[in-house]
Each structure stands twice: as structure tokens, then as C-alpha cells.
Amino acid sequence: MADLKKKYTKEGYQKLIDELDYLKNIRREEIKEALKEARSYGDLSENSEYDEARTQQGMNEARIAELEELVKNAVIMTDDEMSKGKVSIGSTVVIKYKDGKEKKYDIVGSNEVDPLAGKISDLSPIGSALIGKEVNDVVYIYTPAGEKEVVVVSVERTKK
């Protein structure tokens, strides 16, 4: 059976908790009010507002269940688990490609990924190649575009 445990930074875990709180305490009430209003229109068999509210309710409850499962199986990375000077979840790492270009990444758990913000998973090709590396280490990254050689320029704890 696959391991359901997922690693999170403290910030990533807090985002899960915040979304779950919002969906349970605010969004549920908004949907409840929309259903109440839609019922007041009469015949539910041809009531598109009621159908839409029920759809929203189903999607909300599905996301709540998903988030509850993620929270239940979350492993929050502590500062002790984040190696100083070594790339780990919670690190910001700068790498330099052979052509001299530098790229900065925040290494995060697989459910916190946001490539446009430079947040990559510890399980991605780049992230997994960098885990455990230190400054000046040469790293070979295997991607669908081919092998890339990079040098680790800096490793820091991700700033909050």
C-alpha cells in the first residue's frame, strides 16, 4: 500500500488548516444560505439556482474530505529535520547552469508546489536531485529535456 504521509513546511500545513477552516465555517454557511434562498423560489425540479447550490455543496464537501485526509496524514518538517547547509524541504536553493544562468527554488512538499512562484517539490526531478546537496556540489538533473549539470550556489532556510 502506498504511503499516504505527505511532508509539509509549517507554512504549507497552515495553508491546509486555513482552507479547511474557511470551507467548514464560512463557505458551508454561504452555500446553506444559497440553498435556503433557492428553495424559496418554489418548484425545485426546474430550479437552476437550487441545482447550482447543490453542486457547489457537493464540491465543497468533497474538498473538505480531501483536506481532512491531507491534514490527518501530514508530516510537518521541523527545523531539526531541515539540515543546515544541506538542501531539504524548507530550503531555498540557488543553482547555476553551465551557461551561467542562475535559478532560485524553494523546496516544498509535493502538495505545496507552485512552479510560477519557484516552489518545487522534493519529489520533482530537480528537487529530488538537489535533496541532501551542499554549496559547491555538482548535481546532475535528469529531466524529459535531457540531463542538466548544475552547481549549488547557496542553500538557506526559506524565509517566511
N, C-alpha and C. Protein backbone atom coordinates (compact mmCIF):
# COMPACT_ATOMS: atom_id res chain seq x y z
N MET A 1 0.84 -1.19 0.00
CA MET A 1 0.00 0.00 0.00
C MET A 1 0.88 1.25 0.00
N ALA A 2 0.50 2.25 -0.75
CA ALA A 2 1.27 3.49 -0.85
C ALA A 2 1.24 4.25 0.47
N ASP A 3 2.34 4.91 0.77
CA ASP A 3 2.42 5.72 1.97
C ASP A 3 1.61 6.99 1.76
N LEU A 4 0.62 7.21 2.61
CA LEU A 4 -0.25 8.37 2.48
C LEU A 4 0.34 9.61 3.12
N LYS A 5 1.41 9.46 3.90
CA LYS A 5 2.02 10.59 4.58
C LYS A 5 2.66 11.53 3.57
N LYS A 6 2.41 12.82 3.72
CA LYS A 6 2.99 13.85 2.86
C LYS A 6 3.71 14.84 3.75
N LYS A 7 4.88 15.28 3.28
CA LYS A 7 5.66 16.26 4.03
C LYS A 7 5.23 17.67 3.67
N TYR A 8 5.20 18.53 4.70
CA TYR A 8 4.83 19.92 4.54
C TYR A 8 5.77 20.81 5.32
N THR A 9 5.99 22.01 4.81
CA THR A 9 6.61 23.04 5.62
C THR A 9 5.53 23.52 6.59
N LYS A 10 5.93 24.24 7.61
CA LYS A 10 4.94 24.78 8.56
C LYS A 10 3.93 25.66 7.84
N GLU A 11 4.44 26.46 6.89
CA GLU A 11 3.57 27.38 6.16
C GLU A 11 2.59 26.61 5.27
N GLY A 12 3.07 25.58 4.62
CA GLY A 12 2.19 24.77 3.76
C GLY A 12 1.10 24.08 4.55
N TYR A 13 1.46 23.56 5.72
CA TYR A 13 0.48 22.92 6.59
C TYR A 13 -0.56 23.94 7.06
N GLN A 14 -0.10 25.13 7.41
CA GLN A 14 -1.02 26.17 7.88
C GLN A 14 -2.01 26.56 6.79
N LYS A 15 -1.56 26.57 5.54
CA LYS A 15 -2.46 26.88 4.42
C LYS A 15 -3.58 25.83 4.33
N LEU A 16 -3.23 24.55 4.56
CA LEU A 16 -4.26 23.50 4.57
C LEU A 16 -5.28 23.77 5.66
N ILE A 17 -4.79 24.07 6.85
CA ILE A 17 -5.67 24.30 8.00
C ILE A 17 -6.57 25.51 7.74
N ASP A 18 -5.99 26.57 7.18
CA ASP A 18 -6.77 27.78 6.90
C ASP A 18 -7.87 27.52 5.87
N GLU A 19 -7.52 26.78 4.80
CA GLU A 19 -8.53 26.48 3.78
C GLU A 19 -9.63 25.61 4.36
N LEU A 20 -9.25 24.61 5.14
CA LEU A 20 -10.24 23.72 5.76
C LEU A 20 -11.18 24.52 6.68
N ASP A 21 -10.62 25.40 7.47
CA ASP A 21 -11.42 26.24 8.36
C ASP A 21 -12.39 27.11 7.56
N TYR A 22 -11.91 27.72 6.48
CA TYR A 22 -12.77 28.56 5.63
C TYR A 22 -13.92 27.75 5.04
N LEU A 23 -13.60 26.59 4.48
CA LEU A 23 -14.63 25.79 3.82
C LEU A 23 -15.68 25.28 4.81
N LYS A 24 -15.25 24.91 6.01
CA LYS A 24 -16.17 24.37 7.00
C LYS A 24 -17.01 25.45 7.67
N ASN A 25 -16.40 26.60 7.95
CA ASN A 25 -17.08 27.60 8.77
C ASN A 25 -17.69 28.77 8.00
N ILE A 26 -17.16 29.06 6.85
CA ILE A 26 -17.68 30.20 6.08
C ILE A 26 -18.40 29.72 4.82
N ARG A 27 -17.71 28.95 4.00
CA ARG A 27 -18.28 28.52 2.72
C ARG A 27 -19.53 27.66 2.92
N ARG A 28 -19.51 26.77 3.92
CA ARG A 28 -20.69 25.94 4.20
C ARG A 28 -21.91 26.81 4.49
N GLU A 29 -21.71 27.86 5.28
CA GLU A 29 -22.82 28.76 5.63
C GLU A 29 -23.31 29.53 4.40
N GLU A 30 -22.38 29.96 3.54
CA GLU A 30 -22.77 30.65 2.31
C GLU A 30 -23.62 29.75 1.43
N ILE A 31 -23.23 28.50 1.32
CA ILE A 31 -23.97 27.54 0.49
C ILE A 31 -25.33 27.24 1.12
N LYS A 32 -25.34 27.12 2.44
CA LYS A 32 -26.60 26.88 3.16
C LYS A 32 -27.60 28.01 2.89
N GLU A 33 -27.11 29.24 2.90
CA GLU A 33 -27.98 30.39 2.61
C GLU A 33 -28.44 30.38 1.16
N ALA A 34 -27.56 30.01 0.24
CA ALA A 34 -27.93 29.94 -1.18
C ALA A 34 -29.01 28.87 -1.40
N LEU A 35 -28.88 27.74 -0.71
CA LEU A 35 -29.90 26.68 -0.81
C LEU A 35 -31.24 27.16 -0.24
N LYS A 36 -31.17 27.85 0.88
CA LYS A 36 -32.39 28.37 1.52
C LYS A 36 -33.09 29.36 0.58
N GLU A 37 -32.33 30.24 -0.02
CA GLU A 37 -32.91 31.21 -0.95
C GLU A 37 -33.48 30.52 -2.18
N ALA A 38 -32.75 29.55 -2.71
CA ALA A 38 -33.21 28.84 -3.91
C ALA A 38 -34.51 28.07 -3.63
N ARG A 39 -34.63 27.50 -2.43
CA ARG A 39 -35.85 26.78 -2.06
C ARG A 39 -37.05 27.73 -2.02
N SER A 40 -36.78 28.97 -1.68
CA SER A 40 -37.88 29.94 -1.57
C SER A 40 -38.48 30.29 -2.94
N TYR A 41 -37.80 29.92 -4.02
CA TYR A 41 -38.31 30.18 -5.36
C TYR A 41 -39.37 29.18 -5.78
N GLY A 42 -39.57 28.14 -4.98
CA GLY A 42 -40.63 27.19 -5.30
C GLY A 42 -40.11 25.90 -5.91
N ASP A 43 -40.80 25.43 -6.95
CA ASP A 43 -40.56 24.14 -7.61
C ASP A 43 -39.06 23.86 -7.80
N LEU A 44 -38.56 22.84 -7.08
CA LEU A 44 -37.13 22.51 -7.13
C LEU A 44 -36.75 21.73 -8.39
N SER A 45 -37.73 21.13 -9.07
CA SER A 45 -37.42 20.31 -10.24
C SER A 45 -36.90 21.14 -11.41
N GLU A 46 -37.25 22.40 -11.48
CA GLU A 46 -36.79 23.27 -12.57
C GLU A 46 -36.11 24.52 -12.02
N ASN A 47 -35.40 24.35 -10.93
CA ASN A 47 -34.80 25.47 -10.23
C ASN A 47 -33.28 25.41 -10.41
N SER A 48 -32.77 26.18 -11.36
CA SER A 48 -31.33 26.13 -11.66
C SER A 48 -30.49 26.67 -10.50
N GLU A 49 -31.01 27.63 -9.74
CA GLU A 49 -30.28 28.15 -8.59
C GLU A 49 -30.09 27.06 -7.54
N TYR A 50 -31.13 26.27 -7.33
CA TYR A 50 -31.05 25.18 -6.38
C TYR A 50 -30.05 24.12 -6.86
N ASP A 51 -30.12 23.78 -8.15
CA ASP A 51 -29.17 22.80 -8.70
C ASP A 51 -27.73 23.28 -8.55
N GLU A 52 -27.50 24.54 -8.84
CA GLU A 52 -26.15 25.11 -8.73
C GLU A 52 -25.66 25.09 -7.28
N ALA A 53 -26.53 25.45 -6.35
CA ALA A 53 -26.15 25.44 -4.94
C ALA A 53 -25.84 24.03 -4.47
N ARG A 54 -26.62 23.05 -4.92
CA ARG A 54 -26.35 21.64 -4.56
C ARG A 54 -25.02 21.18 -5.14
N THR A 55 -24.72 21.60 -6.37
CA THR A 55 -23.43 21.26 -6.99
C THR A 55 -22.29 21.86 -6.17
N GLN A 56 -22.44 23.13 -5.81
CA GLN A 56 -21.41 23.81 -5.00
C GLN A 56 -21.25 23.12 -3.65
N GLN A 57 -22.36 22.68 -3.08
CA GLN A 57 -22.31 21.98 -1.80
C GLN A 57 -21.52 20.68 -1.94
N GLY A 58 -21.79 19.94 -2.98
CA GLY A 58 -21.07 18.68 -3.20
C GLY A 58 -19.58 18.90 -3.40
N MET A 59 -19.21 19.92 -4.18
CA MET A 59 -17.80 20.21 -4.41
C MET A 59 -17.13 20.66 -3.12
N ASN A 60 -17.82 21.46 -2.33
CA ASN A 60 -17.28 21.94 -1.06
C ASN A 60 -17.03 20.77 -0.11
N GLU A 61 -18.02 19.89 0.01
CA GLU A 61 -17.88 18.74 0.92
C GLU A 61 -16.78 17.78 0.45
N ALA A 62 -16.63 17.63 -0.85
CA ALA A 62 -15.55 16.77 -1.37
C ALA A 62 -14.19 17.37 -1.03
N ARG A 63 -14.04 18.68 -1.17
CA ARG A 63 -12.77 19.33 -0.86
C ARG A 63 -12.50 19.27 0.65
N ILE A 64 -13.53 19.41 1.47
CA ILE A 64 -13.36 19.28 2.92
C ILE A 64 -12.83 17.89 3.26
N ALA A 65 -13.43 16.88 2.67
CA ALA A 65 -12.98 15.50 2.94
C ALA A 65 -11.54 15.31 2.49
N GLU A 66 -11.19 15.86 1.34
CA GLU A 66 -9.82 15.77 0.83
C GLU A 66 -8.83 16.45 1.78
N LEU A 67 -9.18 17.65 2.21
CA LEU A 67 -8.30 18.39 3.12
C LEU A 67 -8.16 17.70 4.47
N GLU A 68 -9.26 17.15 4.98
CA GLU A 68 -9.19 16.42 6.26
C GLU A 68 -8.24 15.24 6.15
N GLU A 69 -8.26 14.55 5.02
CA GLU A 69 -7.36 13.42 4.81
C GLU A 69 -5.90 13.90 4.72
N LEU A 70 -5.68 15.01 4.03
CA LEU A 70 -4.32 15.56 3.92
C LEU A 70 -3.79 15.98 5.29
N VAL A 71 -4.63 16.65 6.08
CA VAL A 71 -4.23 17.09 7.41
C VAL A 71 -3.92 15.88 8.30
N LYS A 72 -4.78 14.87 8.22
CA LYS A 72 -4.60 13.66 9.03
C LYS A 72 -3.27 12.97 8.72
N ASN A 73 -2.85 13.02 7.47
CA ASN A 73 -1.63 12.32 7.04
C ASN A 73 -0.43 13.24 6.85
N ALA A 74 -0.54 14.48 7.34
CA ALA A 74 0.54 15.44 7.15
C ALA A 74 1.70 15.17 8.11
N VAL A 75 2.90 15.35 7.58
CA VAL A 75 4.12 15.32 8.39
C VAL A 75 4.74 16.70 8.24
N ILE A 76 4.79 17.42 9.34
CA ILE A 76 5.31 18.78 9.30
C ILE A 76 6.81 18.74 9.58
N MET A 77 7.56 19.29 8.65
CA MET A 77 9.01 19.31 8.79
C MET A 77 9.39 20.34 9.86
N THR A 78 10.17 19.88 10.83
CA THR A 78 10.63 20.77 11.89
C THR A 78 12.00 21.33 11.51
N ASP A 79 12.40 22.37 12.21
CA ASP A 79 13.72 22.95 11.96
C ASP A 79 14.83 21.92 12.16
N ASP A 80 14.65 21.03 13.13
CA ASP A 80 15.66 20.00 13.38
C ASP A 80 15.83 19.06 12.18
N GLU A 81 14.71 18.80 11.48
CA GLU A 81 14.76 17.90 10.33
C GLU A 81 15.32 18.58 9.08
N MET A 82 15.35 19.90 9.09
CA MET A 82 15.86 20.64 7.95
C MET A 82 17.35 20.87 8.18
N SER A 83 18.16 20.13 7.46
CA SER A 83 19.60 20.20 7.62
C SER A 83 20.13 21.59 7.32
N LYS A 84 20.99 22.05 8.18
CA LYS A 84 21.65 23.33 7.92
C LYS A 84 22.73 23.10 6.89
N GLY A 85 22.67 23.90 5.84
CA GLY A 85 23.69 23.81 4.81
C GLY A 85 23.42 22.75 3.76
N LYS A 86 22.41 21.91 3.99
CA LYS A 86 22.04 20.88 3.02
C LYS A 86 20.63 21.16 2.52
N VAL A 87 20.41 20.84 1.26
CA VAL A 87 19.09 21.06 0.67
C VAL A 87 18.11 20.06 1.26
N SER A 88 16.97 20.58 1.73
CA SER A 88 15.89 19.75 2.25
C SER A 88 14.59 20.52 2.05
N ILE A 89 13.48 19.89 2.40
CA ILE A 89 12.21 20.62 2.38
C ILE A 89 12.37 21.81 3.32
N GLY A 90 11.94 22.96 2.86
CA GLY A 90 12.10 24.18 3.65
C GLY A 90 13.34 24.97 3.29
N SER A 91 14.08 24.50 2.28
CA SER A 91 15.28 25.21 1.83
C SER A 91 14.97 26.08 0.63
N THR A 92 15.70 27.18 0.55
CA THR A 92 15.76 27.97 -0.67
C THR A 92 17.14 27.73 -1.23
N VAL A 93 17.19 27.27 -2.46
CA VAL A 93 18.47 26.91 -3.07
C VAL A 93 18.65 27.67 -4.38
N VAL A 94 19.86 28.14 -4.60
CA VAL A 94 20.20 28.79 -5.86
C VAL A 94 21.16 27.85 -6.58
N ILE A 95 20.83 27.55 -7.85
CA ILE A 95 21.70 26.71 -8.66
C ILE A 95 22.16 27.49 -9.88
N LYS A 96 23.32 27.10 -10.39
CA LYS A 96 23.86 27.75 -11.59
C LYS A 96 24.04 26.69 -12.67
N TYR A 97 23.49 27.01 -13.84
CA TYR A 97 23.63 26.14 -15.00
C TYR A 97 24.96 26.40 -15.69
N LYS A 98 25.37 25.49 -16.57
CA LYS A 98 26.65 25.63 -17.28
C LYS A 98 26.74 26.93 -18.07
N ASP A 99 25.59 27.44 -18.56
CA ASP A 99 25.61 28.67 -19.35
C ASP A 99 25.69 29.93 -18.46
N GLY A 100 25.81 29.74 -17.14
CA GLY A 100 25.96 30.85 -16.22
C GLY A 100 24.67 31.36 -15.62
N LYS A 101 23.54 30.91 -16.15
CA LYS A 101 22.24 31.35 -15.60
C LYS A 101 22.03 30.73 -14.23
N GLU A 102 21.49 31.57 -13.34
CA GLU A 102 21.16 31.08 -12.00
C GLU A 102 19.65 31.00 -11.84
N LYS A 103 19.22 30.04 -11.05
CA LYS A 103 17.79 29.85 -10.80
C LYS A 103 17.63 29.58 -9.30
N LYS A 104 16.61 30.21 -8.72
CA LYS A 104 16.33 30.04 -7.29
C LYS A 104 15.05 29.23 -7.12
N TYR A 105 15.10 28.26 -6.23
CA TYR A 105 13.93 27.42 -5.95
C TYR A 105 13.71 27.31 -4.44
N ASP A 106 12.45 27.25 -4.05
CA ASP A 106 12.08 26.85 -2.70
C ASP A 106 11.68 25.39 -2.79
N ILE A 107 12.27 24.55 -1.96
CA ILE A 107 11.94 23.12 -1.95
C ILE A 107 10.81 22.92 -0.96
N VAL A 108 9.69 22.39 -1.44
CA VAL A 108 8.49 22.22 -0.62
C VAL A 108 7.97 20.79 -0.75
N GLY A 109 7.01 20.44 0.09
CA GLY A 109 6.34 19.15 -0.01
C GLY A 109 5.54 19.07 -1.30
N SER A 110 5.21 17.87 -1.72
CA SER A 110 4.57 17.67 -3.03
C SER A 110 3.20 18.33 -3.16
N ASN A 111 2.53 18.63 -2.06
CA ASN A 111 1.22 19.28 -2.15
C ASN A 111 1.30 20.80 -2.05
N GLU A 112 2.52 21.35 -1.98
CA GLU A 112 2.70 22.79 -1.86
C GLU A 112 3.26 23.41 -3.13
N VAL A 113 3.39 22.64 -4.17
CA VAL A 113 4.06 23.06 -5.39
C VAL A 113 3.38 24.27 -6.04
N ASP A 114 4.21 25.22 -6.46
CA ASP A 114 3.74 26.39 -7.21
C ASP A 114 4.91 26.82 -8.11
N PRO A 115 5.05 26.17 -9.29
CA PRO A 115 6.20 26.44 -10.14
C PRO A 115 6.35 27.91 -10.53
N LEU A 116 5.25 28.61 -10.71
CA LEU A 116 5.34 30.02 -11.09
C LEU A 116 5.95 30.88 -9.98
N ALA A 117 5.83 30.41 -8.74
CA ALA A 117 6.41 31.12 -7.61
C ALA A 117 7.77 30.53 -7.23
N GLY A 118 8.27 29.57 -8.02
CA GLY A 118 9.57 28.97 -7.74
C GLY A 118 9.54 27.91 -6.66
N LYS A 119 8.34 27.42 -6.32
CA LYS A 119 8.22 26.37 -5.30
C LYS A 119 8.12 25.02 -6.00
N ILE A 120 9.16 24.20 -5.80
CA ILE A 120 9.18 22.89 -6.45
C ILE A 120 9.19 21.79 -5.40
N SER A 121 8.67 20.65 -5.77
CA SER A 121 8.55 19.51 -4.86
C SER A 121 9.89 18.83 -4.64
N ASP A 122 10.02 18.27 -3.46
CA ASP A 122 11.18 17.43 -3.17
C ASP A 122 11.16 16.16 -4.00
N LEU A 123 10.04 15.86 -4.64
CA LEU A 123 9.92 14.66 -5.47
C LEU A 123 10.07 14.94 -6.96
N SER A 124 10.16 16.22 -7.34
CA SER A 124 10.31 16.59 -8.75
C SER A 124 11.73 16.21 -9.21
N PRO A 125 11.96 16.16 -10.52
CA PRO A 125 13.31 15.82 -10.99
C PRO A 125 14.39 16.75 -10.42
N ILE A 126 14.12 18.05 -10.41
CA ILE A 126 15.11 18.99 -9.88
C ILE A 126 15.20 18.86 -8.36
N GLY A 127 14.05 18.87 -7.69
CA GLY A 127 14.04 18.78 -6.23
C GLY A 127 14.70 17.53 -5.70
N SER A 128 14.37 16.39 -6.28
CA SER A 128 14.94 15.14 -5.78
C SER A 128 16.45 15.06 -6.03
N ALA A 129 16.91 15.67 -7.12
CA ALA A 129 18.36 15.68 -7.41
C ALA A 129 19.09 16.58 -6.41
N LEU A 130 18.42 17.61 -5.91
CA LEU A 130 19.07 18.57 -5.02
C LEU A 130 19.04 18.17 -3.55
N ILE A 131 18.07 17.35 -3.15
CA ILE A 131 17.94 16.96 -1.74
C ILE A 131 19.27 16.39 -1.22
N GLY A 132 19.71 16.93 -0.09
CA GLY A 132 20.92 16.46 0.56
C GLY A 132 22.21 17.09 0.04
N LYS A 133 22.12 17.90 -1.00
CA LYS A 133 23.32 18.51 -1.57
C LYS A 133 23.71 19.76 -0.79
N GLU A 134 24.98 20.17 -0.95
CA GLU A 134 25.52 21.32 -0.26
C GLU A 134 26.09 22.31 -1.27
N VAL A 135 26.45 23.50 -0.79
CA VAL A 135 27.05 24.53 -1.64
C VAL A 135 28.28 23.95 -2.33
N ASN A 136 28.44 24.27 -3.60
CA ASN A 136 29.53 23.86 -4.50
C ASN A 136 29.41 22.42 -5.00
N ASP A 137 28.38 21.69 -4.58
CA ASP A 137 28.17 20.34 -5.12
C ASP A 137 27.74 20.45 -6.58
N VAL A 138 28.27 19.57 -7.41
CA VAL A 138 27.83 19.46 -8.80
C VAL A 138 26.69 18.44 -8.81
N VAL A 139 25.60 18.80 -9.45
CA VAL A 139 24.41 17.95 -9.45
C VAL A 139 23.98 17.70 -10.89
N TYR A 140 23.63 16.47 -11.18
CA TYR A 140 23.09 16.11 -12.49
C TYR A 140 21.59 15.91 -12.35
N ILE A 141 20.86 16.70 -13.11
CA ILE A 141 19.41 16.66 -13.05
C ILE A 141 18.91 16.01 -14.34
N TYR A 142 18.11 14.97 -14.18
CA TYR A 142 17.56 14.25 -15.33
C TYR A 142 16.12 14.68 -15.53
N THR A 143 15.88 15.33 -16.66
CA THR A 143 14.55 15.83 -16.98
C THR A 143 14.13 15.29 -18.33
N PRO A 144 12.86 15.43 -18.70
CA PRO A 144 12.42 15.00 -20.03
C PRO A 144 13.21 15.70 -21.16
N ALA A 145 13.75 16.88 -20.87
CA ALA A 145 14.53 17.62 -21.87
C ALA A 145 15.99 17.15 -21.92
N GLY A 146 16.34 16.22 -21.05
CA GLY A 146 17.70 15.70 -21.04
C GLY A 146 18.40 16.01 -19.73
N GLU A 147 19.66 15.59 -19.66
CA GLU A 147 20.45 15.77 -18.45
C GLU A 147 21.00 17.20 -18.38
N LYS A 148 20.91 17.79 -17.21
CA LYS A 148 21.46 19.13 -16.97
C LYS A 148 22.45 19.04 -15.82
N GLU A 149 23.58 19.71 -15.99
CA GLU A 149 24.57 19.78 -14.92
C GLU A 149 24.47 21.15 -14.28
N VAL A 150 24.36 21.18 -12.96
CA VAL A 150 24.26 22.45 -12.23
C VAL A 150 25.20 22.40 -11.03
N VAL A 151 25.48 23.58 -10.51
CA VAL A 151 26.27 23.71 -9.28
C VAL A 151 25.39 24.40 -8.25
N VAL A 152 25.41 23.91 -7.04
CA VAL A 152 24.66 24.53 -5.95
C VAL A 152 25.43 25.77 -5.50
N VAL A 153 24.81 26.93 -5.63
CA VAL A 153 25.44 28.20 -5.30
C VAL A 153 25.19 28.57 -3.84
N SER A 154 23.94 28.39 -3.38
CA SER A 154 23.64 28.70 -1.98
C SER A 154 22.46 27.86 -1.51
N VAL A 155 22.44 27.64 -0.20
CA VAL A 155 21.36 26.91 0.46
C VAL A 155 21.03 27.66 1.73
N GLU A 156 19.76 28.05 1.88
CA GLU A 156 19.30 28.75 3.08
C GLU A 156 17.95 28.19 3.48
N ARG A 157 17.56 28.46 4.70
CA ARG A 157 16.19 28.16 5.11
C ARG A 157 15.29 29.12 4.36
N THR A 158 14.16 28.64 3.89
CA THR A 158 13.22 29.52 3.22
C THR A 158 12.74 30.57 4.20
N LYS A 159 12.80 31.81 3.78
CA LYS A 159 12.36 32.92 4.64
C LYS A 159 10.84 32.97 4.64
N LYS A 160 10.31 33.26 5.78
CA LYS A 160 8.84 33.29 5.94
C LYS A 160 8.31 34.66 5.64
